[in-house]
PDB file of N, CA and C in Angstrom:
ATOM      1  N   UNK A   1      26.135  -8.364   3.108  1.00  0.00           N
ATOM      2  CA  UNK A   1      25.344  -7.634   1.950  1.00  0.00           C
ATOM      3  C   UNK A   1      24.413  -6.394   2.773  1.00  0.00           C
ATOM      4  N   UNK A   2      24.659  -4.835   1.827  1.00  0.00           N
ATOM      5  CA  UNK A   2      24.924  -4.234   2.062  1.00  0.00           C
ATOM      6  C   UNK A   2      23.627  -3.891   0.957  1.00  0.00           C
ATOM      7  N   UNK A   3      22.686  -2.878   2.078  1.00  0.00           N
ATOM      8  CA  UNK A   3      21.175  -2.964   1.411  1.00  0.00           C
ATOM      9  C   UNK A   3      21.003  -1.506   0.904  1.00  0.00           C
ATOM     10  N   UNK A   4      20.785  -0.564  -0.085  1.00  0.00           N
ATOM     11  CA  UNK A   4      20.815   1.107  -0.745  1.00  0.00           C
ATOM     12  C   UNK A   4      19.455   1.006  -0.347  1.00  0.00           C
ATOM     13  N   UNK A   5      19.589   2.040   0.707  1.00  0.00           N
ATOM     14  CA  UNK A   5      18.483   2.535   1.015  1.00  0.00           C
ATOM     15  C   UNK A   5      17.456   3.990  -0.048  1.00  0.00           C
ATOM     16  N   UNK A   6      16.428   4.110  -0.616  1.00  0.00           N
ATOM     17  CA  UNK A   6      16.085   5.251  -1.545  1.00  0.00           C
ATOM     18  C   UNK A   6      15.549   6.308  -0.402  1.00  0.00           C
ATOM     19  N   UNK A   7      16.315   7.519  -0.716  1.00  0.00           N
ATOM     20  CA  UNK A   7      15.450   8.533   0.684  1.00  0.00           C
ATOM     21  C   UNK A   7      13.898   8.953  -0.823  1.00  0.00           C
ATOM     22  N   UNK A   8      13.225   9.593   0.705  1.00  0.00           N
ATOM     23  CA  UNK A   8      12.007  10.353   0.071  1.00  0.00           C
ATOM     24  C   UNK A   8      11.597   8.861  -0.184  1.00  0.00           C
ATOM     25  N   UNK A   9      11.674   7.891   0.137  1.00  0.00           N
ATOM     26  CA  UNK A   9      10.175   6.937  -0.671  1.00  0.00           C
ATOM     27  C   UNK A   9       8.939   6.587   0.721  1.00  0.00           C
ATOM     28  N   UNK A  10       9.738   7.058   1.792  1.00  0.00           N
ATOM     29  CA  UNK A  10       8.164   7.181   3.374  1.00  0.00           C
ATOM     30  C   UNK A  10       8.254   7.738   2.639  1.00  0.00           C
ATOM     31  N   UNK A  11       8.290   9.186   2.585  1.00  0.00           N
ATOM     32  CA  UNK A  11       7.368  10.571   2.151  1.00  0.00           C
ATOM     33  C   UNK A  11       6.855   9.987   1.215  1.00  0.00           C
ATOM     34  N   UNK A  12       6.374   9.994  -0.296  1.00  0.00           N
ATOM     35  CA  UNK A  12       6.029   9.641  -1.055  1.00  0.00           C
ATOM     36  C   UNK A  12       5.237   8.315  -0.601  1.00  0.00           C
ATOM     37  N   UNK A  13       5.796   7.513  -0.199  1.00  0.00           N
ATOM     38  CA  UNK A  13       4.323   6.340   0.233  1.00  0.00           C
ATOM     39  C   UNK A  13       3.688   6.418   1.567  1.00  0.00           C
ATOM     40  N   UNK A  14       4.003   7.451   1.792  1.00  0.00           N
ATOM     41  CA  UNK A  14       3.297   7.038   3.304  1.00  0.00           C
ATOM     42  C   UNK A  14       2.785   8.787   3.664  1.00  0.00           C
ATOM     43  N   UNK A  15       3.487   9.938   3.598  1.00  0.00           N
ATOM     44  CA  UNK A  15       2.794  11.148   4.418  1.00  0.00           C
ATOM     45  C   UNK A  15       2.181  11.998   3.024  1.00  0.00           C
ATOM     46  N   UNK A  16       2.662  11.940   1.758  1.00  0.00           N
ATOM     47  CA  UNK A  16       1.735  12.707   1.097  1.00  0.00           C
ATOM     48  C   UNK A  16       0.002  11.828   0.842  1.00  0.00           C
ATOM     49  N   UNK A  17       0.557  11.253   0.459  1.00  0.00           N
ATOM     50  CA  UNK A  17      -0.704  10.866   0.542  1.00  0.00           C
ATOM     51  C   UNK A  17      -1.628  10.721   1.713  1.00  0.00           C
ATOM     52  N   UNK A  18      -1.827  10.336   2.975  1.00  0.00           N
ATOM     53  CA  UNK A  18      -2.321  10.564   4.047  1.00  0.00           C
ATOM     54  C   UNK A  18      -1.730  12.498   4.383  1.00  0.00           C
ATOM     55  N   UNK A  19      -2.179  13.399   3.818  1.00  0.00           N
ATOM     56  CA  UNK A  19      -1.938  15.022   3.973  1.00  0.00           C
ATOM     57  C   UNK A  19      -2.781  14.689   2.670  1.00  0.00           C
ATOM     58  N   UNK A  20      -3.002  14.046   1.357  1.00  0.00           N
ATOM     59  CA  UNK A  20      -4.111  14.567   0.256  1.00  0.00           C
ATOM     60  C   UNK A  20      -5.141  13.963   0.366  1.00  0.00           C
ATOM     61  N   UNK A  21      -5.129  12.121   0.944  1.00  0.00           N
ATOM     62  CA  UNK A  21      -6.618  11.946   0.955  1.00  0.00           C
ATOM     63  C   UNK A  21      -7.385  12.758   2.502  1.00  0.00           C
ATOM     64  N   UNK A  22      -5.994  12.976   3.763  1.00  0.00           N
ATOM     65  CA  UNK A  22      -7.495  13.554   4.465  1.00  0.00           C
ATOM     66  C   UNK A  22      -7.772  15.435   3.462  1.00  0.00           C
ATOM     67  N   UNK A  23      -7.692  16.167   3.307  1.00  0.00           N
ATOM     68  CA  UNK A  23      -7.623  17.557   2.507  1.00  0.00           C
ATOM     69  C   UNK A  23      -8.942  17.157   1.701  1.00  0.00           C
ATOM     70  N   UNK A  24      -8.088  16.132   0.948  1.00  0.00           N
ATOM     71  CA  UNK A  24      -9.573  15.641  -0.041  1.00  0.00           C
ATOM     72  C   UNK A  24     -10.817  15.521   0.444  1.00  0.00           C
ATOM     73  N   UNK A  25     -11.018  14.674   1.455  1.00  0.00           N
ATOM     74  CA  UNK A  25     -12.525  14.848   2.824  1.00  0.00           C
ATOM     75  C   UNK A  25     -12.687  15.728   3.131  1.00  0.00           C
ATOM     76  N   UNK A  26     -12.304  16.899   3.572  1.00  0.00           N
ATOM     77  CA  UNK A  26     -12.283  17.319   3.936  1.00  0.00           C
ATOM     78  C   UNK A  26     -13.139  18.397   3.074  1.00  0.00           C
ATOM     79  N   UNK A  27     -12.294  18.625   2.150  1.00  0.00           N
ATOM     80  CA  UNK A  27     -12.355  19.134   0.438  1.00  0.00           C
ATOM     81  C   UNK A  27     -14.375  18.835   0.594  1.00  0.00           C
ATOM     82  N   UNK A  28     -14.186  17.355   0.389  1.00  0.00           N
ATOM     83  CA  UNK A  28     -15.395  16.534  -0.139  1.00  0.00           C
ATOM     84  C   UNK A  28     -16.821  16.901   1.016  1.00  0.00           C
ATOM     85  N   UNK A  29     -16.678  17.034   2.384  1.00  0.00           N
ATOM     86  CA  UNK A  29     -17.402  16.742   2.948  1.00  0.00           C
ATOM     87  C   UNK A  29     -18.373  18.875   3.386  1.00  0.00           C
ATOM     88  N   UNK A  30     -16.985  19.542   2.966  1.00  0.00           N
ATOM     89  CA  UNK A  30     -17.205  21.137   3.132  1.00  0.00           C
ATOM     90  C   UNK A  30     -17.935  21.266   1.917  1.00  0.00           C
ATOM     91  N   UNK A  31     -18.030  20.976   0.547  1.00  0.00           N
ATOM     92  CA  UNK A  31     -18.656  20.647  -0.362  1.00  0.00           C
ATOM     93  C   UNK A  31     -19.841  20.491   0.045  1.00  0.00           C
ATOM     94  N   UNK A  32     -20.719  18.587  -0.006  1.00  0.00           N
ATOM     95  CA  UNK A  32     -21.355  18.267   0.190  1.00  0.00           C
ATOM     96  C   UNK A  32     -22.110  19.504   0.723  1.00  0.00           C
ATOM     97  N   UNK A  33     -21.712  19.625   2.206  1.00  0.00           N
ATOM     98  CA  UNK A  33     -22.018  20.800   3.407  1.00  0.00           C
ATOM     99  C   UNK A  33     -22.700  21.809   2.863  1.00  0.00           C
ATOM    100  N   UNK A  34     -21.652  22.668   2.046  1.00  0.00           N
ATOM    101  CA  UNK A  34     -22.506  24.123   1.795  1.00  0.00           C
ATOM    102  C   UNK A  34     -22.966  23.943   0.495  1.00  0.00           C
ATOM    103  N   UNK A  35     -22.918  22.960  -0.504  1.00  0.00           N
ATOM    104  CA  UNK A  35     -23.673  22.810  -1.360  1.00  0.00           C
ATOM    105  C   UNK A  35     -22.958  23.502  -2.292  1.00  0.00           C
ATOM    106  N   UNK A  36     -21.282  23.253  -2.633  1.00  0.00           N
ATOM    107  CA  UNK A  36     -20.416  24.848  -3.708  1.00  0.00           C
ATOM    108  C   UNK A  36     -19.356  23.313  -4.377  1.00  0.00           C
ATOM    109  N   UNK A  37     -19.994  22.889  -5.500  1.00  0.00           N
ATOM    110  CA  UNK A  37     -19.524  21.617  -6.810  1.00  0.00           C
ATOM    111  C   UNK A  37     -18.246  22.012  -6.785  1.00  0.00           C
ATOM    112  N   UNK A  38     -17.662  23.109  -7.059  1.00  0.00           N
ATOM    113  CA  UNK A  38     -16.414  22.953  -6.820  1.00  0.00           C
ATOM    114  C   UNK A  38     -15.292  22.709  -5.636  1.00  0.00           C
ATOM    115  N   UNK A  39     -15.842  22.483  -4.641  1.00  0.00           N
ATOM    116  CA  UNK A  39     -15.108  21.900  -3.449  1.00  0.00           C
ATOM    117  C   UNK A  39     -15.329  20.917  -3.586  1.00  0.00           C
ATOM    118  N   UNK A  40     -16.257  20.308  -4.067  1.00  0.00           N
ATOM    119  CA  UNK A  40     -16.459  18.697  -4.167  1.00  0.00           C
ATOM    120  C   UNK A  40     -15.655  18.476  -4.594  1.00  0.00           C
ATOM    121  N   UNK A  41     -16.088  18.859  -6.331  1.00  0.00           N
ATOM    122  CA  UNK A  41     -14.403  18.092  -7.224  1.00  0.00           C
ATOM    123  C   UNK A  41     -13.474  18.443  -7.095  1.00  0.00           C
ATOM    124  N   UNK A  42     -12.906  18.945  -6.471  1.00  0.00           N
ATOM    125  CA  UNK A  42     -11.347  19.264  -6.037  1.00  0.00           C
ATOM    126  C   UNK A  42     -10.443  18.435  -4.722  1.00  0.00           C
ATOM    127  N   UNK A  43     -12.536  17.795  -3.933  1.00  0.00           N
ATOM    128  CA  UNK A  43     -12.163  16.586  -2.812  1.00  0.00           C
ATOM    129  C   UNK A  43     -11.875  15.526  -3.717  1.00  0.00           C
ATOM    130  N   UNK A  44     -12.112  15.579  -4.432  1.00  0.00           N
ATOM    131  CA  UNK A  44     -12.615  13.703  -5.123  1.00  0.00           C
ATOM    132  C   UNK A  44     -11.456  14.094  -5.857  1.00  0.00           C
ATOM    133  N   UNK A  45     -10.898  15.091  -6.265  1.00  0.00           N
ATOM    134  CA  UNK A  45      -9.859  14.877  -7.412  1.00  0.00           C
ATOM    135  C   UNK A  45      -8.816  14.868  -6.639  1.00  0.00           C
ATOM    136  N   UNK A  46      -8.561  15.585  -5.131  1.00  0.00           N
ATOM    137  CA  UNK A  46      -7.375  15.224  -4.092  1.00  0.00           C
ATOM    138  C   UNK A  46      -7.046  13.272  -3.365  1.00  0.00           C
ATOM    139  N   UNK A  47      -8.764  12.537  -3.369  1.00  0.00           N
ATOM    140  CA  UNK A  47      -8.821  12.277  -3.199  1.00  0.00           C
ATOM    141  C   UNK A  47      -8.145  10.771  -4.107  1.00  0.00           C
ATOM    142  N   UNK A  48      -8.406  11.346  -4.811  1.00  0.00           N
ATOM    143  CA  UNK A  48      -8.547  10.150  -6.063  1.00  0.00           C
ATOM    144  C   UNK A  48      -6.751  10.008  -6.157  1.00  0.00           C
ATOM    145  N   UNK A  49      -5.836  11.375  -6.354  1.00  0.00           N
ATOM    146  CA  UNK A  49      -4.319  11.720  -6.493  1.00  0.00           C
ATOM    147  C   UNK A  49      -4.020  10.725  -5.560  1.00  0.00           C
ATOM    148  N   UNK A  50      -3.991  10.682  -3.601  1.00  0.00           N
ATOM    149  CA  UNK A  50      -3.495  11.058  -2.834  1.00  0.00           C
ATOM    150  C   UNK A  50      -3.478   8.893  -3.291  1.00  0.00           C
ATOM    151  N   UNK A  51      -4.398   8.483  -3.658  1.00  0.00           N
ATOM    152  CA  UNK A  51      -3.936   6.757  -4.071  1.00  0.00           C
ATOM    153  C   UNK A  51      -3.706   6.201  -5.450  1.00  0.00           C
ATOM    154  N   UNK A  52      -3.609   7.531  -6.325  1.00  0.00           N
ATOM    155  CA  UNK A  52      -3.146   6.677  -6.993  1.00  0.00           C
ATOM    156  C   UNK A  52      -1.376   7.138  -7.627  1.00  0.00           C
ATOM    157  N   UNK A  53      -1.053   8.748  -6.998  1.00  0.00           N
ATOM    158  CA  UNK A  53       0.077   9.362  -7.090  1.00  0.00           C
ATOM    159  C   UNK A  53       1.232   7.846  -6.761  1.00  0.00           C
ATOM    160  N   UNK A  54       1.697   7.311  -5.340  1.00  0.00           N
ATOM    161  CA  UNK A  54       2.624   6.660  -5.203  1.00  0.00           C
ATOM    162  C   UNK A  54       2.794   5.482  -5.897  1.00  0.00           C
ATOM    163  N   UNK A  55       1.446   4.842  -7.267  1.00  0.00           N
ATOM    164  CA  UNK A  55       1.710   4.130  -7.945  1.00  0.00           C
ATOM    165  C   UNK A  55       2.650   4.845  -8.723  1.00  0.00           C
ATOM    166  N   UNK A  56       2.197   6.017  -9.701  1.00  0.00           N
ATOM    167  CA  UNK A  56       3.352   7.156 -10.539  1.00  0.00           C
ATOM    168  C   UNK A  56       4.667   7.031 -10.226  1.00  0.00           C
ATOM    169  N   UNK A  57       4.140   7.683  -8.694  1.00  0.00           N
ATOM    170  CA  UNK A  57       5.835   8.214  -8.304  1.00  0.00           C
ATOM    171  C   UNK A  57       6.613   7.380  -7.902  1.00  0.00           C
ATOM    172  N   UNK A  58       6.502   6.129  -7.306  1.00  0.00           N
ATOM    173  CA  UNK A  58       8.218   5.658  -6.841  1.00  0.00           C
ATOM    174  C   UNK A  58       8.058   3.964  -7.539  1.00  0.00           C
ATOM    175  N   UNK A  59       7.340   3.736  -8.330  1.00  0.00           N
ATOM    176  CA  UNK A  59       8.338   3.084  -9.539  1.00  0.00           C
ATOM    177  C   UNK A  59       9.222   3.739 -10.728  1.00  0.00           C
ATOM    178  N   UNK A  60       9.325   5.947 -10.443  1.00  0.00           N
ATOM    179  CA  UNK A  60      10.625   6.601 -11.001  1.00  0.00           C
ATOM    180  C   UNK A  60      11.449   6.212  -9.957  1.00  0.00           C
ATOM    181  N   UNK A  61      11.004   6.907  -8.717  1.00  0.00           N
ATOM    182  CA  UNK A  61      12.023   6.908  -7.606  1.00  0.00           C
ATOM    183  C   UNK A  61      13.305   5.616  -7.911  1.00  0.00           C
ATOM    184  N   UNK A  62      12.363   4.077  -7.473  1.00  0.00           N
ATOM    185  CA  UNK A  62      13.109   2.877  -7.528  1.00  0.00           C
ATOM    186  C   UNK A  62      13.691   2.260  -8.593  1.00  0.00           C
ATOM    187  N   UNK A  63      13.771   2.867  -9.347  1.00  0.00           N
ATOM    188  CA  UNK A  63      14.264   2.249 -10.729  1.00  0.00           C
ATOM    189  C   UNK A  63      15.617   3.265 -11.072  1.00  0.00           C
TER     190      UNK A  63
END
C-alpha cells in the first residue's frame, strides 16, 4: 500500500506559522515598548494569523 504525500503541507503547517508567530511577537513587544499602536495591532493580527491559517489552508490542500 503506497501513501501519497502532499507537497507543501509541512511548510504550511510548521514553517509559516512559526515565522508569523515570531514576527507577531516581535511587533507586539516593540509596539508596546514604543507605545506604537500600529505595530501592536499588526503583531496581534500576525500572531492570530499564525494560529488560524493552518486550519484554513491545509484542508484546501489536502482535499
